[in-house]
Amino acid sequence: HPAAALRNPRWREAFVQDMEKLPRLIQGLRDKH
């Protein structure tokens, strides 16, 4: 259940780190084309 996952600090920390990486990944994909 998503709400239960959000209450898990370790999972939320990993999620936040992934969200911080996303713009860089998107920019990298954009630069390749």
C-alpha atoms as a PDB file:
ATOM      1  CA  HIS A   1       0.000   0.000   0.000  1.00  0.00           C
ATOM      2  CA  PRO A   2       1.511   3.377  -1.034  1.00  0.00           C
ATOM      3  CA  ALA A   3       0.593   5.113   2.227  1.00  0.00           C
ATOM      4  CA  ALA A   4       2.344   2.406   4.225  1.00  0.00           C
ATOM      5  CA  ALA A   5       5.418   2.792   2.028  1.00  0.00           C
ATOM      6  CA  LEU A   6       5.456   6.545   2.634  1.00  0.00           C
ATOM      7  CA  ARG A   7       5.507   5.890   6.373  1.00  0.00           C
ATOM      8  CA  ASN A   8       8.687   3.837   5.908  1.00  0.00           C
ATOM      9  CA  PRO A   9      11.527   6.391   6.388  1.00  0.00           C
ATOM     10  CA  ARG A  10      14.097   4.308   4.514  1.00  0.00           C
ATOM     11  CA  TRP A  11      11.807   3.895   1.508  1.00  0.00           C
ATOM     12  CA  ARG A  12      10.881   7.583   1.552  1.00  0.00           C
ATOM     13  CA  GLU A  13      14.548   8.589   1.692  1.00  0.00           C
ATOM     14  CA  ALA A  14      15.328   6.403  -1.323  1.00  0.00           C
ATOM     15  CA  PHE A  15      12.322   7.853  -3.138  1.00  0.00           C
ATOM     16  CA  VAL A  16      13.438  11.430  -2.431  1.00  0.00           C
ATOM     17  CA  GLN A  17      16.942  10.631  -3.692  1.00  0.00           C
ATOM     18  CA  ASP A  18      15.468   9.164  -6.893  1.00  0.00           C
ATOM     19  CA  MET A  19      13.328  12.264  -7.406  1.00  0.00           C
ATOM     20  CA  GLU A  20      16.431  14.427  -7.002  1.00  0.00           C
ATOM     21  CA  LYS A  21      18.228  12.357  -9.667  1.00  0.00           C
ATOM     22  CA  LEU A  22      15.358  12.546 -12.157  1.00  0.00           C
ATOM     23  CA  PRO A  23      16.007  16.073 -13.509  1.00  0.00           C
ATOM     24  CA  ARG A  24      19.643  15.159 -14.178  1.00  0.00           C
ATOM     25  CA  LEU A  25      18.610  11.953 -15.949  1.00  0.00           C
ATOM     26  CA  ILE A  26      16.037  13.806 -18.053  1.00  0.00           C
ATOM     27  CA  GLN A  27      18.587  16.477 -18.929  1.00  0.00           C
ATOM     28  CA  GLY A  28      21.072  13.750 -19.893  1.00  0.00           C
ATOM     29  CA  LEU A  29      18.529  12.136 -22.198  1.00  0.00           C
ATOM     30  CA  ARG A  30      17.730  15.514 -23.728  1.00  0.00           C
ATOM     31  CA  ASP A  31      21.421  16.251 -24.351  1.00  0.00           C
ATOM     32  CA  LYS A  32      21.901  12.959 -26.233  1.00  0.00           C
ATOM     33  CA  HIS A  33      19.240  13.751 -28.853  1.00  0.00           C
END
